[in-house]
Protein backbone atom coordinates (compact mmCIF):
# COMPACT_ATOMS: atom_id res chain seq x y z
CA UNK A 1 19.34 4.39 24.48
CA UNK A 2 22.08 3.73 22.23
CA UNK A 3 19.43 4.92 19.23
CA UNK A 4 19.21 7.94 21.25
CA UNK A 5 22.54 8.34 22.00
CA UNK A 6 23.90 7.64 18.16
CA UNK A 7 21.56 10.26 16.30
CA UNK A 8 22.07 12.74 18.47
CA UNK A 9 25.48 12.37 18.76
CA UNK A 10 25.37 12.52 14.17
CA UNK A 11 23.31 15.29 14.39
CA UNK A 12 25.52 17.74 16.30
CA UNK A 13 28.63 16.21 14.10
CA UNK A 14 26.51 18.09 11.44
CA UNK A 15 25.00 20.85 13.19
CA UNK A 16 21.88 19.84 12.86
CA UNK A 17 18.58 19.21 14.89
CA UNK A 18 15.63 16.88 15.26
CA UNK A 19 13.06 19.48 14.38
CA UNK A 20 15.40 20.76 11.16
CA UNK A 21 15.10 16.97 9.87
CA UNK A 22 11.29 16.85 11.01
CA UNK A 23 10.58 20.09 8.77
CA UNK A 24 12.83 18.81 5.94
CA UNK A 25 11.31 15.11 6.08
CA UNK A 26 7.57 16.64 5.55
CA UNK A 27 8.91 19.41 2.96
CA UNK A 28 10.53 16.58 1.35
CA UNK A 29 7.75 13.94 1.09
CA UNK A 30 4.85 16.63 0.20
CA UNK A 31 6.86 18.45 -2.15
CA UNK A 32 5.83 21.23 -0.63
CA UNK A 33 6.70 23.88 2.02
CA UNK A 34 2.64 24.78 1.92
CA UNK A 35 1.44 21.26 2.82
CA UNK A 36 4.35 20.70 5.06
CA UNK A 37 3.45 23.97 7.06
CA UNK A 38 -0.17 22.75 7.21
CA UNK A 39 1.09 19.47 9.03
CA UNK A 40 3.37 20.72 11.17
CA UNK A 41 1.25 23.43 12.01
CA UNK A 42 3.68 26.20 11.31
CA UNK A 43 3.70 29.35 9.59
CA UNK A 44 5.13 28.70 5.56
CA UNK A 45 7.79 31.64 6.98
CA UNK A 46 8.57 29.38 9.46
CA UNK A 47 9.90 26.28 7.45
CA UNK A 48 11.34 27.91 5.03
CA UNK A 49 13.59 29.51 7.62
CA UNK A 50 14.20 25.97 9.16
CA UNK A 51 14.93 24.55 5.18
CA UNK A 52 17.51 27.30 4.50
CA UNK A 53 19.54 27.12 8.01
CA UNK A 54 19.48 23.19 7.09
CA UNK A 55 21.17 24.10 3.62
CA UNK A 56 22.96 26.54 5.16
CA UNK A 57 24.93 24.45 7.56
CA UNK A 58 25.11 21.09 5.06
CA UNK A 59 26.92 23.72 2.89
CA UNK A 60 24.58 22.35 0.28
CA UNK A 61 21.43 22.50 -1.44
CA UNK A 62 18.00 20.44 -0.75
CA UNK A 63 15.90 21.47 -2.84
CA UNK A 64 15.56 23.02 -6.84
CA UNK A 65 13.13 25.28 -7.88
CA UNK A 66 11.10 24.46 -11.27
CA UNK A 67 8.43 26.37 -12.47
CA UNK A 68 6.02 25.92 -9.61
CA UNK A 69 7.37 23.05 -8.45
CA UNK A 70 10.13 21.88 -6.17
CA UNK A 71 12.37 18.81 -6.65
CA UNK A 72 14.80 17.25 -4.39
CA UNK A 73 18.87 17.82 -5.37
CA UNK A 74 21.06 14.28 -5.00
CA UNK A 75 21.76 15.52 -1.64
CA UNK A 76 18.33 16.40 -0.62
CA UNK A 77 17.49 12.66 -1.89
CA UNK A 78 20.61 11.33 0.26
CA UNK A 79 19.35 13.17 3.19
CA UNK A 80 15.56 12.26 2.60
CA UNK A 81 16.24 8.48 3.15
CA UNK A 82 18.22 9.20 6.02
CA UNK A 83 15.84 11.21 7.65
CA UNK A 84 13.18 8.79 7.11
CA UNK A 85 14.70 5.86 8.59
CA UNK A 86 15.65 8.32 11.74
CA UNK A 87 11.93 8.94 12.19
CA UNK A 88 11.10 5.05 12.05
CA UNK A 89 13.60 4.78 15.03
CA UNK A 90 12.15 7.21 17.14
CA UNK A 91 9.43 5.74 16.71
CA UNK A 92 10.48 2.57 17.55
CA UNK A 93 11.69 3.85 20.30
CA UNK A 94 7.94 5.35 21.41
CA UNK A 95 6.70 1.80 20.40
CA UNK A 96 8.80 0.10 23.04
CA UNK A 97 8.17 2.39 26.00
CA UNK A 98 4.26 1.80 24.76
CA UNK A 99 4.89 -1.97 24.61
CA UNK A 100 6.29 -1.59 28.51
CA UNK A 101 2.53 0.21 29.23
CA UNK A 102 0.52 -3.12 27.90
CA UNK A 103 0.05 -4.18 24.33
CA UNK A 104 -3.03 -2.50 23.97
CA UNK A 105 -0.97 1.14 23.78
CA UNK A 106 0.69 2.20 20.38
CA UNK A 107 1.18 3.03 16.89
CA UNK A 108 1.16 0.24 14.52
CA UNK A 109 0.53 1.18 10.47
CA UNK A 110 -0.35 -1.57 7.89
CA UNK A 111 -0.08 -0.56 4.30
CA UNK A 112 -2.89 -2.67 1.52
CA UNK A 113 -3.42 -3.03 -2.01
CA UNK A 114 -6.37 -1.02 -3.08
CA UNK A 115 -7.70 -4.50 -3.60
CA UNK A 116 -7.54 -5.87 -0.44
CA UNK A 117 -9.36 -3.33 1.03
CA UNK A 118 -12.77 -5.08 -0.07
CA UNK A 119 -11.93 -7.64 3.08
CA UNK A 120 -9.56 -6.00 5.05
CA UNK A 121 -11.16 -4.00 7.32
CA UNK A 122 -13.45 -6.52 8.35
CA UNK A 123 -10.41 -9.03 8.89
CA UNK A 124 -9.14 -5.85 11.24
CA UNK A 125 -13.10 -5.04 12.95
CA UNK A 126 -12.52 -8.11 15.85
CA UNK A 127 -8.92 -6.76 16.36
CA UNK A 128 -9.50 -3.09 16.92
CA UNK A 129 -12.28 -4.08 19.31
CA UNK A 130 -9.61 -6.22 21.18
CA UNK A 131 -7.02 -3.71 21.22
CA UNK A 132 -9.33 -0.15 21.70
CA UNK A 133 -5.98 1.86 23.10
CA UNK A 134 -4.09 0.61 19.92
CA UNK A 135 -4.24 3.54 17.24
CA UNK A 136 -3.77 1.61 13.64
CA UNK A 137 -3.84 3.24 10.70
CA UNK A 138 -4.31 1.44 7.38
CA UNK A 139 -2.44 3.22 4.12
CA UNK A 140 -4.74 1.96 0.87
CA UNK A 141 -2.39 1.94 -1.97
CA UNK A 142 -1.76 0.98 -5.49
CA UNK A 143 0.97 -1.98 -5.56
CA UNK A 144 3.99 0.49 -6.39
CA UNK A 145 3.00 2.93 -3.42
CA UNK A 146 2.94 0.07 -0.99
CA UNK A 147 6.49 -1.36 -2.13
CA UNK A 148 7.48 2.40 -1.57
CA UNK A 149 6.73 2.15 1.53
CA UNK A 150 8.32 -1.25 2.41
CA UNK A 151 11.95 0.22 0.68
CA UNK A 152 11.43 3.25 2.90
CA UNK A 153 10.75 0.85 6.11
CA UNK A 154 7.73 3.09 6.56
CA UNK A 155 4.81 0.63 7.92
CA UNK A 156 4.72 -2.09 9.86
CA UNK A 157 3.14 -4.46 8.00
CA UNK A 158 1.97 -4.90 4.14
CA UNK A 159 -1.05 -6.84 2.79
CA UNK A 160 -0.85 -7.55 -1.39
CA UNK A 161 -0.67 -10.14 -3.68
CA UNK A 162 2.88 -11.14 -4.95
CA UNK A 163 5.60 -10.33 -2.63
CA UNK A 164 8.57 -8.36 -4.12
CA UNK A 165 11.64 -10.43 -5.15
CA UNK A 166 13.81 -6.88 -5.48
CA UNK A 167 13.05 -6.28 -1.74
CA UNK A 168 13.96 -8.55 1.04
CA UNK A 169 10.57 -8.86 3.07
CA UNK A 170 9.31 -11.85 4.93
CA UNK A 171 5.84 -13.35 3.37
CA UNK A 172 3.30 -15.65 4.67
CA UNK A 173 0.24 -16.40 2.45
CA UNK A 174 -3.01 -16.20 4.20
CA UNK A 175 -6.10 -16.65 2.09
CA UNK A 176 -6.55 -17.41 -1.83
CA UNK A 177 -7.33 -14.77 -4.47
CA UNK A 178 -8.98 -16.07 -7.00
CA UNK A 179 -8.81 -14.08 -10.45
CA UNK A 180 -11.88 -13.81 -12.54
CA UNK A 181 -13.29 -12.54 -16.14
CA UNK A 182 -15.92 -10.46 -16.16
CA UNK A 183 -18.33 -9.45 -18.38
CA UNK A 184 -21.49 -7.32 -18.61
CA UNK A 185 -24.43 -9.49 -18.25
CA UNK A 186 -25.40 -9.07 -22.18
CA UNK A 187 -22.15 -9.92 -23.66
CA UNK A 188 -22.13 -12.29 -26.15
CA UNK A 189 -19.82 -14.19 -24.19
CA UNK A 190 -21.83 -14.02 -20.93
CA UNK A 191 -24.28 -17.46 -21.25
CA UNK A 192 -21.40 -19.31 -22.99
CA UNK A 193 -20.82 -22.64 -21.22
CA UNK A 194 -17.12 -22.12 -21.59
CA UNK A 195 -15.10 -19.79 -23.37
CA UNK A 196 -11.96 -20.95 -24.75
CA UNK A 197 -8.93 -18.97 -24.55
CA UNK A 198 -8.56 -18.33 -28.26
CA UNK A 199 -11.62 -16.52 -28.22
CA UNK A 200 -10.62 -14.37 -24.99
CA UNK A 201 -7.41 -13.55 -26.79
CA UNK A 202 -9.86 -11.90 -29.44
CA UNK A 203 -11.76 -9.49 -26.74
CA UNK A 204 -10.99 -6.30 -25.62
CA UNK A 205 -9.90 -6.02 -22.13
CA UNK A 206 -10.23 -2.73 -20.13
CA UNK A 207 -6.90 -3.22 -17.34
CA UNK A 208 -5.44 -1.94 -14.23
CA UNK A 209 -2.45 0.12 -15.16
CA UNK A 210 1.17 -1.40 -15.64
CA UNK A 211 2.92 -2.50 -12.13
CA UNK A 212 -0.57 -3.50 -10.43
CA UNK A 213 -0.67 -6.85 -8.72
CA UNK A 214 -4.05 -8.57 -11.51
CA UNK A 215 -2.27 -6.68 -14.49
CA UNK A 216 0.84 -8.50 -14.03
CA UNK A 217 -1.24 -11.70 -13.66
CA UNK A 218 -3.29 -11.46 -16.06
CA UNK A 219 -0.23 -10.78 -18.45
CA UNK A 220 1.68 -13.83 -17.37
CA UNK A 221 -1.08 -16.05 -17.82
CA UNK A 222 -1.49 -15.00 -21.54
CA UNK A 223 2.02 -15.17 -21.97
CA UNK A 224 2.14 -18.65 -21.16
CA UNK A 225 0.06 -19.48 -23.62
CA UNK A 226 1.54 -17.20 -26.48
CA UNK A 227 -1.29 -14.52 -26.45
CA UNK A 228 -0.62 -10.96 -25.75
CA UNK A 229 -4.04 -9.37 -24.70
CA UNK A 230 -5.39 -6.52 -26.61
CA UNK A 231 -5.55 -3.85 -23.97
CA UNK A 232 -8.44 -1.21 -24.54
CA UNK A 233 -8.20 1.29 -22.12
CA UNK A 234 -5.75 1.46 -18.40
CA UNK A 235 -7.51 2.41 -15.53
CA UNK A 236 -5.71 3.23 -12.19
CA UNK A 237 -8.72 1.54 -9.84
CA UNK A 238 -11.04 -1.23 -9.51
CA UNK A 239 -14.02 0.69 -9.38
CA UNK A 240 -12.78 2.08 -12.65
CA UNK A 241 -12.78 -1.22 -14.57
CA UNK A 242 -16.19 -2.60 -13.25
CA UNK A 243 -17.96 0.48 -14.33
CA UNK A 244 -16.52 0.28 -17.80
CA UNK A 245 -17.09 -3.43 -17.90
CA UNK A 246 -20.72 -3.00 -16.72
CA UNK A 247 -21.25 -0.31 -19.39
CA UNK A 248 -20.07 -2.58 -21.98
CA UNK A 249 -16.58 -1.36 -23.08
CA UNK A 250 -14.72 -4.46 -22.85
CA UNK A 251 -13.99 -7.82 -20.65
CA UNK A 252 -11.83 -7.76 -17.53
CA UNK A 253 -9.83 -9.35 -15.02
CA UNK A 254 -10.28 -8.51 -11.00
CA UNK A 255 -9.94 -10.14 -7.60
CA UNK A 256 -13.25 -12.16 -6.98
CA UNK A 257 -12.96 -9.95 -3.42
CA UNK A 258 -14.10 -6.66 -4.96
CA UNK A 259 -17.35 -8.23 -7.02
CA UNK A 260 -19.46 -9.26 -4.41
CA UNK A 261 -21.99 -6.29 -4.47
CA UNK A 262 -21.53 -6.23 -8.10
CA UNK A 263 -22.24 -10.46 -8.77
CA UNK A 264 -25.17 -9.85 -6.44
CA UNK A 265 -26.83 -6.98 -7.89
CA UNK A 266 -26.22 -8.68 -11.70
CA UNK A 267 -24.48 -6.07 -12.61
CA UNK A 268 -21.50 -8.37 -13.74
CA UNK A 269 -21.19 -11.69 -14.28
CA UNK A 270 -18.48 -14.06 -14.44
CA UNK A 271 -17.62 -15.61 -17.62
CA UNK A 272 -16.82 -19.90 -17.27
CA UNK A 273 -13.52 -18.92 -19.16
CA UNK A 274 -10.92 -21.70 -19.83
CA UNK A 275 -8.05 -21.22 -17.05
CA UNK A 276 -9.52 -19.35 -15.18
CA UNK A 277 -10.40 -18.25 -11.84
CA UNK A 278 -6.50 -17.73 -11.70
CA UNK A 279 -5.42 -18.85 -8.53
CA UNK A 280 -3.37 -16.73 -6.68
CA UNK A 281 -2.74 -15.71 -2.94
CA UNK A 282 -2.85 -12.65 -0.23
CA UNK A 283 0.24 -12.68 1.99
CA UNK A 284 1.42 -10.30 4.84
CA UNK A 285 4.41 -9.16 4.55
CA UNK A 286 7.20 -7.05 6.24
CA UNK A 287 10.89 -6.75 5.87
CA UNK A 288 12.89 -9.48 6.77
CA UNK A 289 15.66 -8.09 9.27
CA UNK A 290 12.41 -5.36 10.71
CA UNK A 291 12.09 -6.01 14.62
CA UNK A 292 8.33 -6.01 15.14
CA UNK A 293 6.84 -4.31 18.01
CA UNK A 294 4.76 -7.25 19.97
CA UNK A 295 1.34 -5.12 18.22
CA UNK A 296 2.71 -6.04 15.00
CA UNK A 297 3.11 -8.97 15.97
CA UNK A 298 -0.36 -9.84 17.19
CA UNK A 299 -1.94 -8.62 14.19
CA UNK A 300 0.12 -10.98 12.44
CA UNK A 301 -0.48 -13.80 14.13
CA UNK A 302 -4.08 -12.36 14.05
CA UNK A 303 -4.27 -12.35 10.40
CA UNK A 304 -3.36 -15.43 9.77
CA UNK A 305 -5.30 -17.29 12.20
CA UNK A 306 -8.50 -15.61 11.17
CA UNK A 307 -7.86 -15.66 7.72
CA UNK A 308 -7.59 -19.55 8.29
CA UNK A 309 -10.87 -19.69 10.10
CA UNK A 310 -12.58 -17.95 7.04
CA UNK A 311 -13.21 -15.17 10.30
CA UNK A 312 -14.26 -12.30 7.88
CA UNK A 313 -16.09 -10.34 9.91
CA UNK A 314 -18.06 -7.15 8.74
CA UNK A 315 -18.19 -3.82 10.05
CA UNK A 316 -15.99 -0.70 10.27
CA UNK A 317 -13.60 -0.30 13.23
CA UNK A 318 -13.72 2.71 15.32
CA UNK A 319 -10.06 2.85 16.16
CA UNK A 320 -9.14 2.40 12.15
CA UNK A 321 -7.95 5.16 10.56
CA UNK A 322 -7.99 5.36 6.91
CA UNK A 323 -5.35 7.64 4.91
């Protein structure tokens, strides 16, 4: 209850309301009055009025418009950070009371990097059936966005390859994540018994974007051997990389977890390349000082134990909301 008292006291001192903060947070997150109005089931003039009142009470502009787009001012960026924290605290209060009603109640947010989404739904299937009244939201995004979720404390747990070094997190490895070199079946290297690293260095690679976990692992491996790989094209998704490799545009390096269908149907092959597969791990991650709800603790324990048993179960959980 101290959180509620402190929050209301601070808002009262600044002559702000929770509703104004809620509207501001939505506009700041979307950088759009229209999308915020749709999310909050308000009219756009009502949203604009709340923002105008907020700026008047603070005595500072929170947004600036350049062309047709709006951007946060420095004051807006500061308020956005605090509004996110306040919203998260209120969510935690709701979780506390949900826990008092039983573990099967409440909301839980899990952010996963896009590659992990190939196996995460299967891992979650039994958990969601076990706690059918628990609303589990699965946010699938690239690594940069998942790191943002952790930094802003907008997720309970995250699944990713390499844990961040610039955010204070608790990370537990729960599954191996082998990275392999893939090629089209008719590629000249496809039938070689072993492909030396020097020969790989001469090939064109189709790669994920800079900053992705797969791209970083590939660059670290080649750099260790004094090689700068030739990147022919950068792509935002694993599916795009697979399609381009299948079309014969070059080689790719991806997690074995996202290649099951292509390998079964013979559309892609894994090269027997020197120093591959690159052995990495999947981690379940959360902020170090975060107060994990009973549901989040149960999910973390479940992921660690289920993966250790190799219990990846196919199926789509009915209570899972994809975002």
